[in-house]
Structures are given as structure tokens and as C-alpha cells.
Amino acid sequence: MYRFLLTPRWWGINVFVLLAIPFCIFMGSWQLSRFEARVEAHRSADKQVETAKTEAARPLAELLPVDQSTSGQRATVTGRYAKQLLVPDRQVDGKNGFYVLTLLRTDSGRALPVVRGWLPGRADAAKAPAPPTGEVTVTGALQASETPGDDGVSAQGGLPSGQTAAISAASLVNLVPYPVYDAWITLDKADSGMTAVPATAPDNSGLDLKAFQNLGYTGEWFVFAGFVVFMWFRLLRREVEFARDAALGLVPDEEARQPTAV
């Protein structure tokens, strides 16, 4: 009754099943490993941010370029404050407000964006305290340039003069007449009664949408593997039933010789 399994048609079906199931399991396991790696990176990043708060600050030059190992580290840099900008629609402790961002001109000729603090409400230059004059040394958590559209970073354009949606060299280079570091820092202690902006974990280290997409893909691949097994048994059952009916004479010989449809 099972001699049909030796036909070319069923050889093809069996080979496909034997290849498809391991492939689906492999892809599901790979997606699961990517999700687990993001979970571990999330834990490490949070621990790194907390550990960095107690470590001694290092000169900015030693921490550049910013990567996952240096993001959140405390940096110190000396210079003179120059142009001041506002970054609207930023939240701290669940409240909406704006960052006060001031460019710090260094001896290198480049400027470092410094978030001096956060204020509640709509962005208003009149509310933002003026930066200290003269040479200053600032210390804060080093952060990578933002990308418009990322979590918490607006991608809107057409902002009023004196405002920027993202803190990045690409955005700021069009607003100031001098080169800008591809990084920024948020002060340990905010200036003039403002609220300090907490450092964030490095990019691609949090439990973001991409992480849960990996988890979703894991489920999909295992479902595909189960579907392949289900369809193989379904085809086998129909073939056996058809062969039994043909043996009992319930199916014409011509129909018995035709392959069954799925």
C-alpha cells in the first residue's frame, strides 16, 4: 500500500521535506539567537551606563569615535561656549519639554554639542539660561549622534530659527560656521536650575522593535517547519486513502493512475 512512496513524485516530496524542516529549524534558531543577543546587549548597556557614573571622566579625545563600548562613558573637555540651540519635544521623567543645547568651541577648532539641561513646556529661547562665559571645563556622558526618526528623535523639518530636531553633526553643520564633533555629551549636573538629561544606552543594544521582530521571525520559522510536517502527513494520508479505495474498486483504474492533488 505504501509502494507509492518509491515513485519519483514522492521522492521529490520527501527530499523537499527533509531539506525544508532542518532549514526552518536553523533559521528559527538563528533568529532566536539574535533576540537573545539583543537581550544580553540591553543588559550590558544598562550596566555600562550605571557603571560609567562612578568611573573617572576621561578626555574626550580618548573616547572618540563613539561606539557601543564608549557610549555612556564620562568625558571631560575644555572650551568656550558659543551658539545655543533648543531641541524641542524631548521627554524627561514622562514630561514633555526641550533640551538646551550649546556648542562648546574647543582648541581643536571643532565644537562639541553639550546638552546643558532640560526644561518643561514648549521650546522658548527666553526660558533657556545663557551659558557661562569664558573658558569652562565640562563633564558628562558621551553620546553618539542621533538619527532623525529614532525613538524620541523627531524627523520633522521646518523648525523655527534656533532649534534643531536631532543632535548630530549632520544636522548642526548647517547651523553653525565651524566643524562639529560627531558626538555630544549630556552634563552630569545641569546648569542654572535645569534638569539633567540622563544618558541613553548605545544604538542597537536595547529591546526595540527590531529585537521583537527577531522574536516574531523565530515563531514564524518554527510554524513553517510544523506546517511542512502537517502537509506531508496530510498528503500521505490522502494517498493511502486513495490507494485503499482503488484496491477496493471504488475508484476507476484511470483515476487511480492519476496523481492526487494537494
C-alpha atoms as a PDB file:
ATOM      1  CA  MET A   1       0.000   0.000   0.000  1.00  0.00           C
ATOM      2  CA  TYR A   2       2.941   2.295   0.623  1.00  0.00           C
ATOM      3  CA  ARG A   3       4.737   1.483  -2.605  1.00  0.00           C
ATOM      4  CA  PHE A   4       3.772   4.928  -3.900  1.00  0.00           C
ATOM      5  CA  LEU A   5       6.484   6.338  -1.614  1.00  0.00           C
ATOM      6  CA  LEU A   6       9.028   4.956  -4.107  1.00  0.00           C
ATOM      7  CA  THR A   7       7.585   6.892  -7.052  1.00  0.00           C
ATOM      8  CA  PRO A   8       9.560   9.872  -8.448  1.00  0.00           C
ATOM      9  CA  ARG A   9       6.819  12.229  -7.285  1.00  0.00           C
ATOM     10  CA  TRP A  10       7.105  11.104  -3.677  1.00  0.00           C
ATOM     11  CA  TRP A  11      10.889  11.019  -3.832  1.00  0.00           C
ATOM     12  CA  GLY A  12      10.700  14.722  -4.692  1.00  0.00           C
ATOM     13  CA  ILE A  13       8.233  15.423  -1.883  1.00  0.00           C
ATOM     14  CA  ASN A  14      10.340  13.545   0.679  1.00  0.00           C
ATOM     15  CA  VAL A  15      13.578  15.255  -0.339  1.00  0.00           C
ATOM     16  CA  PHE A  16      11.876  18.652  -0.091  1.00  0.00           C
ATOM     17  CA  VAL A  17      10.557  17.835   3.399  1.00  0.00           C
ATOM     18  CA  LEU A  18      13.930  16.516   4.589  1.00  0.00           C
ATOM     19  CA  LEU A  19      15.601  19.745   3.447  1.00  0.00           C
ATOM     20  CA  ALA A  20      12.864  22.196   4.466  1.00  0.00           C
ATOM     21  CA  ILE A  21      12.472  21.097   8.093  1.00  0.00           C
ATOM     22  CA  PRO A  22      16.164  21.477   9.108  1.00  0.00           C
ATOM     23  CA  PHE A  23      16.342  24.769   7.218  1.00  0.00           C
ATOM     24  CA  CYS A  24      13.299  26.187   9.063  1.00  0.00           C
ATOM     25  CA  ILE A  25      14.670  24.990  12.410  1.00  0.00           C
ATOM     26  CA  PHE A  26      18.061  26.517  11.635  1.00  0.00           C
ATOM     27  CA  MET A  27      16.544  29.870  10.647  1.00  0.00           C
ATOM     28  CA  GLY A  28      14.279  29.898  13.703  1.00  0.00           C
ATOM     29  CA  SER A  29      17.212  29.124  15.999  1.00  0.00           C
ATOM     30  CA  TRP A  30      19.286  31.847  14.324  1.00  0.00           C
ATOM     31  CA  GLN A  31      16.555  34.454  14.814  1.00  0.00           C
ATOM     32  CA  LEU A  32      16.181  33.347  18.437  1.00  0.00           C
ATOM     33  CA  SER A  33      19.926  33.740  18.974  1.00  0.00           C
ATOM     34  CA  ARG A  34      19.730  37.281  17.584  1.00  0.00           C
ATOM     35  CA  PHE A  35      16.928  38.124  20.028  1.00  0.00           C
ATOM     36  CA  GLU A  36      18.899  36.643  22.936  1.00  0.00           C
ATOM     37  CA  ALA A  37      21.964  38.632  21.854  1.00  0.00           C
ATOM     38  CA  ARG A  38      19.904  41.846  21.904  1.00  0.00           C
ATOM     39  CA  VAL A  39      18.591  40.986  25.377  1.00  0.00           C
ATOM     40  CA  GLU A  40      22.152  40.463  26.607  1.00  0.00           C
ATOM     41  CA  ALA A  41      23.319  43.658  24.885  1.00  0.00           C
ATOM     42  CA  HIS A  42      20.448  45.522  26.564  1.00  0.00           C
ATOM     43  CA  ARG A  43      21.517  44.271  29.986  1.00  0.00           C
ATOM     44  CA  SER A  44      25.162  45.077  29.310  1.00  0.00           C
ATOM     45  CA  ALA A  45      24.329  48.561  28.017  1.00  0.00           C
ATOM     46  CA  ASP A  46      22.229  49.405  31.075  1.00  0.00           C
ATOM     47  CA  LYS A  47      25.009  48.132  33.323  1.00  0.00           C
ATOM     48  CA  GLN A  48      27.558  50.134  31.325  1.00  0.00           C
ATOM     49  CA  VAL A  49      25.585  53.360  31.759  1.00  0.00           C
ATOM     50  CA  GLU A  50      25.299  52.795  35.511  1.00  0.00           C
ATOM     51  CA  THR A  51      28.963  51.823  35.888  1.00  0.00           C
ATOM     52  CA  ALA A  52      30.102  54.861  33.915  1.00  0.00           C
ATOM     53  CA  LYS A  53      28.518  57.167  36.504  1.00  0.00           C
ATOM     54  CA  THR A  54      31.066  56.068  39.108  1.00  0.00           C
ATOM     55  CA  GLU A  55      34.122  55.958  36.855  1.00  0.00           C
ATOM     56  CA  ALA A  56      36.552  58.840  36.468  1.00  0.00           C
ATOM     57  CA  ALA A  57      35.947  61.061  33.462  1.00  0.00           C
ATOM     58  CA  ARG A  58      38.390  60.709  30.561  1.00  0.00           C
ATOM     59  CA  PRO A  59      39.492  63.280  27.987  1.00  0.00           C
ATOM     60  CA  LEU A  60      37.147  63.430  25.025  1.00  0.00           C
ATOM     61  CA  ALA A  61      39.861  62.503  22.518  1.00  0.00           C
ATOM     62  CA  GLU A  62      40.390  59.138  24.243  1.00  0.00           C
ATOM     63  CA  LEU A  63      36.744  58.149  23.756  1.00  0.00           C
ATOM     64  CA  LEU A  64      36.280  59.006  20.095  1.00  0.00           C
ATOM     65  CA  PRO A  65      34.861  57.746  17.840  1.00  0.00           C
ATOM     66  CA  VAL A  66      31.760  56.823  19.803  1.00  0.00           C
ATOM     67  CA  ASP A  67      30.809  53.161  19.703  1.00  0.00           C
ATOM     68  CA  GLN A  68      28.966  50.724  21.955  1.00  0.00           C
ATOM     69  CA  SER A  69      31.976  50.456  24.260  1.00  0.00           C
ATOM     70  CA  THR A  70      32.398  54.218  24.771  1.00  0.00           C
ATOM     71  CA  SER A  71      28.784  55.402  24.591  1.00  0.00           C
ATOM     72  CA  GLY A  72      27.716  56.473  28.086  1.00  0.00           C
ATOM     73  CA  GLN A  73      31.300  56.895  29.322  1.00  0.00           C
ATOM     74  CA  ARG A  74      32.035  60.102  31.220  1.00  0.00           C
ATOM     75  CA  ALA A  75      34.063  62.558  29.161  1.00  0.00           C
ATOM     76  CA  THR A  76      35.673  65.848  30.048  1.00  0.00           C
ATOM     77  CA  VAL A  77      36.510  68.650  27.637  1.00  0.00           C
ATOM     78  CA  THR A  78      37.571  72.288  27.886  1.00  0.00           C
ATOM     79  CA  GLY A  79      36.454  75.142  25.670  1.00  0.00           C
ATOM     80  CA  ARG A  80      34.254  78.190  25.348  1.00  0.00           C
ATOM     81  CA  TYR A  81      30.505  78.127  24.865  1.00  0.00           C
ATOM     82  CA  ALA A  82      29.269  79.538  21.568  1.00  0.00           C
ATOM     83  CA  LYS A  83      25.948  79.202  19.755  1.00  0.00           C
ATOM     84  CA  GLN A  84      22.967  77.953  21.724  1.00  0.00           C
ATOM     85  CA  LEU A  85      20.076  75.943  20.258  1.00  0.00           C
ATOM     86  CA  LEU A  86      16.910  74.328  21.528  1.00  0.00           C
ATOM     87  CA  VAL A  87      15.850  70.734  20.876  1.00  0.00           C
ATOM     88  CA  PRO A  88      12.032  70.619  21.150  1.00  0.00           C
ATOM     89  CA  ASP A  89       9.694  67.747  22.023  1.00  0.00           C
ATOM     90  CA  ARG A  90      12.000  65.844  24.358  1.00  0.00           C
ATOM     91  CA  GLN A  91      10.754  63.958  27.394  1.00  0.00           C
ATOM     92  CA  VAL A  92      12.330  63.538  30.798  1.00  0.00           C
ATOM     93  CA  ASP A  93      10.539  61.542  33.501  1.00  0.00           C
ATOM     94  CA  GLY A  94       7.488  61.296  31.251  1.00  0.00           C
ATOM     95  CA  LYS A  95       7.102  65.065  30.887  1.00  0.00           C
ATOM     96  CA  ASN A  96       7.417  66.905  27.597  1.00  0.00           C
ATOM     97  CA  GLY A  97       9.868  69.767  27.227  1.00  0.00           C
ATOM     98  CA  PHE A  98      13.055  70.724  25.423  1.00  0.00           C
ATOM     99  CA  TYR A  99      16.803  70.368  25.667  1.00  0.00           C
ATOM    100  CA  VAL A 100      19.087  73.378  25.944  1.00  0.00           C
ATOM    101  CA  LEU A 101      21.961  72.582  23.598  1.00  0.00           C
ATOM    102  CA  THR A 102      25.090  74.740  23.496  1.00  0.00           C
ATOM    103  CA  LEU A 103      28.092  74.317  21.205  1.00  0.00           C
ATOM    104  CA  LEU A 104      31.400  74.209  23.066  1.00  0.00           C
ATOM    105  CA  ARG A 105      34.288  75.503  20.930  1.00  0.00           C
ATOM    106  CA  THR A 106      37.498  73.615  21.713  1.00  0.00           C
ATOM    107  CA  ASP A 107      41.140  74.345  20.930  1.00  0.00           C
ATOM    108  CA  SER A 108      40.922  71.897  18.034  1.00  0.00           C
ATOM    109  CA  GLY A 109      38.635  74.311  16.204  1.00  0.00           C
ATOM    110  CA  ARG A 110      35.730  71.923  16.363  1.00  0.00           C
ATOM    111  CA  ALA A 111      32.678  72.335  18.563  1.00  0.00           C
ATOM    112  CA  LEU A 112      31.151  69.728  20.847  1.00  0.00           C
ATOM    113  CA  PRO A 113      27.358  69.783  21.310  1.00  0.00           C
ATOM    114  CA  VAL A 114      26.639  69.944  25.040  1.00  0.00           C
ATOM    115  CA  VAL A 115      23.162  69.349  26.451  1.00  0.00           C
ATOM    116  CA  ARG A 116      23.244  71.610  29.464  1.00  0.00           C
ATOM    117  CA  GLY A 117      19.824  70.522  30.690  1.00  0.00           C
ATOM    118  CA  TRP A 118      16.100  70.115  30.100  1.00  0.00           C
ATOM    119  CA  LEU A 119      13.205  72.486  30.701  1.00  0.00           C
ATOM    120  CA  PRO A 120       9.471  71.687  30.662  1.00  0.00           C
ATOM    121  CA  GLY A 121       6.965  73.116  28.211  1.00  0.00           C
ATOM    122  CA  ARG A 122       7.302  74.398  24.672  1.00  0.00           C
ATOM    123  CA  ALA A 123      10.713  75.367  23.375  1.00  0.00           C
ATOM    124  CA  ASP A 124      11.273  79.031  24.221  1.00  0.00           C
ATOM    125  CA  ALA A 125      14.643  80.745  23.937  1.00  0.00           C
ATOM    126  CA  ALA A 126      13.615  83.231  26.624  1.00  0.00           C
ATOM    127  CA  LYS A 127      13.382  80.404  29.181  1.00  0.00           C
ATOM    128  CA  ALA A 128      16.807  78.969  28.377  1.00  0.00           C
ATOM    129  CA  PRO A 129      19.544  80.331  30.671  1.00  0.00           C
ATOM    130  CA  ALA A 130      22.576  81.826  28.970  1.00  0.00           C
ATOM    131  CA  PRO A 131      25.729  79.683  29.039  1.00  0.00           C
ATOM    132  CA  PRO A 132      28.696  80.599  31.244  1.00  0.00           C
ATOM    133  CA  THR A 133      31.243  82.929  29.690  1.00  0.00           C
ATOM    134  CA  GLY A 134      34.961  82.374  29.419  1.00  0.00           C
ATOM    135  CA  GLU A 135      36.803  79.086  29.365  1.00  0.00           C
ATOM    136  CA  VAL A 136      34.983  76.208  31.031  1.00  0.00           C
ATOM    137  CA  THR A 137      35.628  72.530  31.599  1.00  0.00           C
ATOM    138  CA  VAL A 138      32.556  70.354  31.323  1.00  0.00           C
ATOM    139  CA  THR A 139      31.982  66.724  32.293  1.00  0.00           C
ATOM    140  CA  GLY A 140      29.189  64.497  31.098  1.00  0.00           C
ATOM    141  CA  ALA A 141      28.103  61.255  29.499  1.00  0.00           C
ATOM    142  CA  LEU A 142      29.280  60.797  25.930  1.00  0.00           C
ATOM    143  CA  GLN A 143      26.560  60.030  23.376  1.00  0.00           C
ATOM    144  CA  ALA A 144      26.551  59.113  19.691  1.00  0.00           C
ATOM    145  CA  SER A 145      24.987  61.424  17.133  1.00  0.00           C
ATOM    146  CA  GLU A 146      21.246  60.952  16.818  1.00  0.00           C
ATOM    147  CA  THR A 147      19.411  59.843  13.710  1.00  0.00           C
ATOM    148  CA  PRO A 148      16.086  61.536  12.860  1.00  0.00           C
ATOM    149  CA  GLY A 149      13.257  59.056  13.212  1.00  0.00           C
ATOM    150  CA  ASP A 150      14.865  57.066  16.016  1.00  0.00           C
ATOM    151  CA  ASP A 151      12.989  56.589  19.272  1.00  0.00           C
ATOM    152  CA  GLY A 152      12.425  60.017  20.816  1.00  0.00           C
ATOM    153  CA  VAL A 153      14.111  61.854  17.923  1.00  0.00           C
ATOM    154  CA  SER A 154      11.814  63.890  15.726  1.00  0.00           C
ATOM    155  CA  ALA A 155      12.238  63.814  11.964  1.00  0.00           C
ATOM    156  CA  GLN A 156      10.221  66.960  11.337  1.00  0.00           C
ATOM    157  CA  GLY A 157      11.667  69.816   9.361  1.00  0.00           C
ATOM    158  CA  GLY A 158      10.861  73.497   9.142  1.00  0.00           C
ATOM    159  CA  LEU A 159      11.660  74.264  12.767  1.00  0.00           C
ATOM    160  CA  PRO A 160      11.975  77.894  13.862  1.00  0.00           C
ATOM    161  CA  SER A 161      15.390  79.510  13.800  1.00  0.00           C
ATOM    162  CA  GLY A 162      17.495  78.485  16.788  1.00  0.00           C
ATOM    163  CA  GLN A 163      16.052  74.971  17.003  1.00  0.00           C
ATOM    164  CA  THR A 164      17.167  71.538  15.798  1.00  0.00           C
ATOM    165  CA  ALA A 165      15.283  68.254  15.787  1.00  0.00           C
ATOM    166  CA  ALA A 166      18.311  65.972  16.146  1.00  0.00           C
ATOM    167  CA  ILE A 167      21.640  66.286  17.906  1.00  0.00           C
ATOM    168  CA  SER A 168      24.031  65.230  15.192  1.00  0.00           C
ATOM    169  CA  ALA A 169      26.955  66.630  13.250  1.00  0.00           C
ATOM    170  CA  ALA A 170      24.951  66.260  10.038  1.00  0.00           C
ATOM    171  CA  SER A 171      22.171  68.467  11.398  1.00  0.00           C
ATOM    172  CA  LEU A 172      24.304  71.026  13.200  1.00  0.00           C
ATOM    173  CA  VAL A 173      26.890  71.598  10.478  1.00  0.00           C
ATOM    174  CA  ASN A 174      24.243  73.554   8.573  1.00  0.00           C
ATOM    175  CA  LEU A 175      23.513  75.761  11.577  1.00  0.00           C
ATOM    176  CA  VAL A 176      27.000  76.825  12.637  1.00  0.00           C
ATOM    177  CA  PRO A 177      30.005  78.075  10.629  1.00  0.00           C
ATOM    178  CA  TYR A 178      32.536  75.665  12.180  1.00  0.00           C
ATOM    179  CA  PRO A 179      33.045  71.878  12.215  1.00  0.00           C
ATOM    180  CA  VAL A 180      31.184  69.824  14.813  1.00  0.00           C
ATOM    181  CA  TYR A 181      32.218  66.616  16.591  1.00  0.00           C
ATOM    182  CA  ASP A 182      30.234  63.547  15.580  1.00  0.00           C
ATOM    183  CA  ALA A 183      29.207  63.101  19.212  1.00  0.00           C
ATOM    184  CA  TRP A 184      27.654  65.034  22.091  1.00  0.00           C
ATOM    185  CA  ILE A 185      27.567  64.952  25.870  1.00  0.00           C
ATOM    186  CA  THR A 186      24.894  65.475  28.464  1.00  0.00           C
ATOM    187  CA  LEU A 187      26.162  67.191  31.616  1.00  0.00           C
ATOM    188  CA  ASP A 188      26.332  65.276  34.876  1.00  0.00           C
ATOM    189  CA  LYS A 189      24.803  68.293  36.614  1.00  0.00           C
ATOM    190  CA  ALA A 190      22.535  70.586  34.654  1.00  0.00           C
ATOM    191  CA  ASP A 191      23.213  74.328  34.595  1.00  0.00           C
ATOM    192  CA  SER A 192      21.061  77.068  36.119  1.00  0.00           C
ATOM    193  CA  GLY A 193      18.170  75.145  37.628  1.00  0.00           C
ATOM    194  CA  MET A 194      17.561  72.897  34.621  1.00  0.00           C
ATOM    195  CA  THR A 195      17.050  69.134  34.881  1.00  0.00           C
ATOM    196  CA  ALA A 196      19.958  66.920  33.862  1.00  0.00           C
ATOM    197  CA  VAL A 197      19.249  64.750  30.827  1.00  0.00           C
ATOM    198  CA  PRO A 198      20.027  61.088  31.564  1.00  0.00           C
ATOM    199  CA  ALA A 199      22.369  59.213  29.264  1.00  0.00           C
ATOM    200  CA  THR A 200      20.849  56.626  26.964  1.00  0.00           C
ATOM    201  CA  ALA A 201      22.067  53.163  26.015  1.00  0.00           C
ATOM    202  CA  PRO A 202      24.007  52.737  22.761  1.00  0.00           C
ATOM    203  CA  ASP A 203      22.148  52.147  19.496  1.00  0.00           C
ATOM    204  CA  ASN A 204      21.193  48.567  18.670  1.00  0.00           C
ATOM    205  CA  SER A 205      21.559  47.493  22.280  1.00  0.00           C
ATOM    206  CA  GLY A 206      18.004  47.914  23.526  1.00  0.00           C
ATOM    207  CA  LEU A 207      14.817  45.851  23.373  1.00  0.00           C
ATOM    208  CA  ASP A 208      13.464  47.851  20.461  1.00  0.00           C
ATOM    209  CA  LEU A 209      11.131  46.913  17.609  1.00  0.00           C
ATOM    210  CA  LYS A 210      13.929  45.093  15.780  1.00  0.00           C
ATOM    211  CA  ALA A 211      14.520  42.837  18.778  1.00  0.00           C
ATOM    212  CA  PHE A 212      10.883  41.768  18.927  1.00  0.00           C
ATOM    213  CA  GLN A 213      10.856  41.336  15.156  1.00  0.00           C
ATOM    214  CA  ASN A 214      13.599  38.735  15.649  1.00  0.00           C
ATOM    215  CA  LEU A 215      11.393  37.002  18.213  1.00  0.00           C
ATOM    216  CA  GLY A 216       8.450  37.106  15.814  1.00  0.00           C
ATOM    217  CA  TYR A 217      10.530  35.662  12.984  1.00  0.00           C
ATOM    218  CA  THR A 218      11.603  32.867  15.335  1.00  0.00           C
ATOM    219  CA  GLY A 219       7.984  31.846  15.795  1.00  0.00           C
ATOM    220  CA  GLU A 220       7.291  32.096  12.067  1.00  0.00           C
ATOM    221  CA  TRP A 221      10.124  29.758  11.097  1.00  0.00           C
ATOM    222  CA  PHE A 222       9.067  27.128  13.639  1.00  0.00           C
ATOM    223  CA  VAL A 223       5.481  27.424  12.396  1.00  0.00           C
ATOM    224  CA  PHE A 224       6.743  26.877   8.843  1.00  0.00           C
ATOM    225  CA  ALA A 225       8.534  23.712   9.994  1.00  0.00           C
ATOM    226  CA  GLY A 226       5.353  22.450  11.624  1.00  0.00           C
ATOM    227  CA  PHE A 227       3.348  23.303   8.507  1.00  0.00           C
ATOM    228  CA  VAL A 228       5.716  21.268   6.316  1.00  0.00           C
ATOM    229  CA  VAL A 229       5.287  18.244   8.605  1.00  0.00           C
ATOM    230  CA  PHE A 230       1.498  18.715   8.664  1.00  0.00           C
ATOM    231  CA  MET A 231       1.257  18.916   4.867  1.00  0.00           C
ATOM    232  CA  TRP A 232       3.452  15.803   4.443  1.00  0.00           C
ATOM    233  CA  PHE A 233       1.191  13.760   6.712  1.00  0.00           C
ATOM    234  CA  ARG A 234      -1.886  15.182   5.007  1.00  0.00           C
ATOM    235  CA  LEU A 235      -0.586  14.199   1.568  1.00  0.00           C
ATOM    236  CA  LEU A 236       0.430  10.765   2.878  1.00  0.00           C
ATOM    237  CA  ARG A 237      -2.994  10.167   4.391  1.00  0.00           C
ATOM    238  CA  ARG A 238      -4.813  11.155   1.209  1.00  0.00           C
ATOM    239  CA  GLU A 239      -2.523   8.964  -0.875  1.00  0.00           C
ATOM    240  CA  VAL A 240      -3.127   5.960   1.405  1.00  0.00           C
ATOM    241  CA  GLU A 241      -6.880   6.514   1.359  1.00  0.00           C
ATOM    242  CA  PHE A 242      -6.838   6.810  -2.421  1.00  0.00           C
ATOM    243  CA  ALA A 243      -4.792   3.602  -2.780  1.00  0.00           C
ATOM    244  CA  ARG A 244      -7.170   1.754  -0.425  1.00  0.00           C
ATOM    245  CA  ASP A 245     -10.215   2.938  -2.379  1.00  0.00           C
ATOM    246  CA  ALA A 246      -8.569   1.893  -5.630  1.00  0.00           C
ATOM    247  CA  ALA A 247      -7.830  -1.575  -4.202  1.00  0.00           C
ATOM    248  CA  LEU A 248     -11.482  -1.957  -3.245  1.00  0.00           C
ATOM    249  CA  GLY A 249     -12.561  -0.915  -6.729  1.00  0.00           C
ATOM    250  CA  LEU A 250     -14.149   2.320  -5.526  1.00  0.00           C
ATOM    251  CA  VAL A 251     -12.079   4.391  -7.963  1.00  0.00           C
ATOM    252  CA  PRO A 252     -11.835   3.807 -11.744  1.00  0.00           C
ATOM    253  CA  ASP A 253      -8.455   2.481 -12.913  1.00  0.00           C
ATOM    254  CA  GLU A 254      -7.801   5.615 -14.997  1.00  0.00           C
ATOM    255  CA  GLU A 255      -8.342   7.833 -11.944  1.00  0.00           C
ATOM    256  CA  ALA A 256      -6.236   5.531  -9.804  1.00  0.00           C
ATOM    257  CA  ARG A 257      -3.302   6.110 -12.104  1.00  0.00           C
ATOM    258  CA  GLN A 258      -3.568   9.890 -11.769  1.00  0.00           C
ATOM    259  CA  PRO A 259      -1.545  11.623  -9.031  1.00  0.00           C
ATOM    260  CA  THR A 260      -3.643  13.065  -6.253  1.00  0.00           C
ATOM    261  CA  ALA A 261      -3.897  16.809  -5.768  1.00  0.00           C
ATOM    262  CA  VAL A 262      -2.979  18.568  -2.580  1.00  0.00           C
END
